[in-house]
Amino acid sequence: MEQSKRGSGLLGILAVVGGALLVKKFAQRRERMRSTLAEYGINERSPFAVADQIRAMDQEKYDSLKEKLKQQFNRGRCQH
């Protein structure tokens, strides 16, 4: 009985640590995205406002943003 309590406590601690690491990773990703968009003059919070500003970009600026986002967020993933 003592072993089972200790094991479930350990699993609980691991779950909390795993959750904290996920939250940290999501926060870092969001911050990278915001800083990249800020480089292109997009400081909106609403997804619709961001989309409107991206649609208003000229093609060259849009292609540059697209490439930068691909480079930042496609690392270590399979390409289809």
C-alpha atoms as a PDB file:
ATOM      1  CA  MET A   1       0.000   0.000   0.000  1.00  0.00           C
ATOM      2  CA  GLU A   2       2.820   2.370   0.886  1.00  0.00           C
ATOM      3  CA  GLN A   3       4.467   1.730  -2.513  1.00  0.00           C
ATOM      4  CA  SER A   4       1.288   2.581  -4.387  1.00  0.00           C
ATOM      5  CA  LYS A   5       0.862   5.903  -2.549  1.00  0.00           C
ATOM      6  CA  ARG A   6       4.459   6.834  -3.218  1.00  0.00           C
ATOM      7  CA  GLY A   7       4.127   5.908  -6.901  1.00  0.00           C
ATOM      8  CA  SER A   8       0.967   7.938  -7.407  1.00  0.00           C
ATOM      9  CA  GLY A   9       2.561  10.909  -5.643  1.00  0.00           C
ATOM     10  CA  LEU A  10       5.532  10.684  -7.954  1.00  0.00           C
ATOM     11  CA  LEU A  11       3.268  10.537 -10.993  1.00  0.00           C
ATOM     12  CA  GLY A  12       1.426  13.611  -9.738  1.00  0.00           C
ATOM     13  CA  ILE A  13       4.677  15.522  -9.366  1.00  0.00           C
ATOM     14  CA  LEU A  14       5.771  14.478 -12.856  1.00  0.00           C
ATOM     15  CA  ALA A  15       2.429  15.607 -14.270  1.00  0.00           C
ATOM     16  CA  VAL A  16       2.772  19.029 -12.640  1.00  0.00           C
ATOM     17  CA  VAL A  17       6.346  19.425 -13.902  1.00  0.00           C
ATOM     18  CA  GLY A  18       5.285  18.331 -17.397  1.00  0.00           C
ATOM     19  CA  GLY A  19       2.412  20.806 -17.372  1.00  0.00           C
ATOM     20  CA  ALA A  20       4.723  23.616 -16.258  1.00  0.00           C
ATOM     21  CA  LEU A  21       7.168  22.823 -19.066  1.00  0.00           C
ATOM     22  CA  LEU A  22       4.346  22.896 -21.628  1.00  0.00           C
ATOM     23  CA  VAL A  23       3.121  26.257 -20.374  1.00  0.00           C
ATOM     24  CA  LYS A  24       6.673  27.631 -20.559  1.00  0.00           C
ATOM     25  CA  LYS A  25       7.108  26.345 -24.125  1.00  0.00           C
ATOM     26  CA  PHE A  26       3.775  27.855 -25.246  1.00  0.00           C
ATOM     27  CA  ALA A  27       4.700  31.196 -23.665  1.00  0.00           C
ATOM     28  CA  GLN A  28       8.066  31.213 -25.466  1.00  0.00           C
ATOM     29  CA  ARG A  29       6.399  30.381 -28.772  1.00  0.00           C
ATOM     30  CA  ARG A  30       3.818  33.137 -28.311  1.00  0.00           C
ATOM     31  CA  GLU A  31       6.546  35.654 -27.474  1.00  0.00           C
ATOM     32  CA  ARG A  32       8.564  34.681 -30.569  1.00  0.00           C
ATOM     33  CA  MET A  33       5.456  35.068 -32.713  1.00  0.00           C
ATOM     34  CA  ARG A  34       4.676  38.486 -31.237  1.00  0.00           C
ATOM     35  CA  SER A  35       8.231  39.724 -31.716  1.00  0.00           C
ATOM     36  CA  THR A  36       8.283  38.517 -35.324  1.00  0.00           C
ATOM     37  CA  LEU A  37       4.977  40.219 -36.087  1.00  0.00           C
ATOM     38  CA  ALA A  38       6.185  43.388 -34.341  1.00  0.00           C
ATOM     39  CA  GLU A  39       9.167  43.492 -36.736  1.00  0.00           C
ATOM     40  CA  TYR A  40       6.642  43.866 -39.552  1.00  0.00           C
ATOM     41  CA  GLY A  41       4.602  46.530 -37.737  1.00  0.00           C
ATOM     42  CA  ILE A  42       1.812  44.204 -36.609  1.00  0.00           C
ATOM     43  CA  ASN A  43       1.016  44.865 -32.952  1.00  0.00           C
ATOM     44  CA  GLU A  44      -2.623  43.780 -32.829  1.00  0.00           C
ATOM     45  CA  ARG A  45      -3.955  41.186 -30.414  1.00  0.00           C
ATOM     46  CA  SER A  46      -7.082  40.152 -32.289  1.00  0.00           C
ATOM     47  CA  PRO A  47      -6.522  37.421 -34.895  1.00  0.00           C
ATOM     48  CA  PHE A  48      -8.860  39.266 -37.257  1.00  0.00           C
ATOM     49  CA  ALA A  49      -6.876  42.508 -36.951  1.00  0.00           C
ATOM     50  CA  VAL A  50      -3.632  40.594 -37.559  1.00  0.00           C
ATOM     51  CA  ALA A  51      -5.145  38.974 -40.656  1.00  0.00           C
ATOM     52  CA  ASP A  52      -6.325  42.365 -41.927  1.00  0.00           C
ATOM     53  CA  GLN A  53      -2.856  43.848 -41.536  1.00  0.00           C
ATOM     54  CA  ILE A  54      -1.252  40.867 -43.274  1.00  0.00           C
ATOM     55  CA  ARG A  55      -3.711  41.199 -46.163  1.00  0.00           C
ATOM     56  CA  ALA A  56      -2.774  44.877 -46.475  1.00  0.00           C
ATOM     57  CA  MET A  57       0.954  44.054 -46.896  1.00  0.00           C
ATOM     58  CA  ASP A  58       2.609  44.203 -50.276  1.00  0.00           C
ATOM     59  CA  GLN A  59       3.656  40.872 -51.788  1.00  0.00           C
ATOM     60  CA  GLU A  60       7.371  41.259 -51.054  1.00  0.00           C
ATOM     61  CA  LYS A  61       6.818  42.022 -47.364  1.00  0.00           C
ATOM     62  CA  TYR A  62       4.278  39.185 -47.106  1.00  0.00           C
ATOM     63  CA  ASP A  63       6.701  36.680 -48.652  1.00  0.00           C
ATOM     64  CA  SER A  64       9.427  37.812 -46.257  1.00  0.00           C
ATOM     65  CA  LEU A  65       7.121  37.348 -43.242  1.00  0.00           C
ATOM     66  CA  LYS A  66       6.001  33.956 -44.510  1.00  0.00           C
ATOM     67  CA  GLU A  67       9.587  32.738 -44.919  1.00  0.00           C
ATOM     68  CA  LYS A  68      10.593  34.011 -41.490  1.00  0.00           C
ATOM     69  CA  LEU A  69       7.662  32.236 -39.835  1.00  0.00           C
ATOM     70  CA  LYS A  70       8.457  29.024 -41.709  1.00  0.00           C
ATOM     71  CA  GLN A  71      12.065  29.176 -40.528  1.00  0.00           C
ATOM     72  CA  GLN A  72      11.100  29.796 -36.915  1.00  0.00           C
ATOM     73  CA  PHE A  73       8.294  27.309 -36.509  1.00  0.00           C
ATOM     74  CA  ASN A  74       9.113  24.403 -38.860  1.00  0.00           C
ATOM     75  CA  ARG A  75      12.296  23.361 -37.080  1.00  0.00           C
ATOM     76  CA  GLY A  76      12.445  19.685 -36.256  1.00  0.00           C
ATOM     77  CA  ARG A  77       9.167  18.765 -37.928  1.00  0.00           C
ATOM     78  CA  CYS A  78       8.402  16.607 -40.929  1.00  0.00           C
ATOM     79  CA  GLN A  79       7.873  18.413 -44.205  1.00  0.00           C
ATOM     80  CA  HIS A  80       4.842  17.234 -46.191  1.00  0.00           C
END
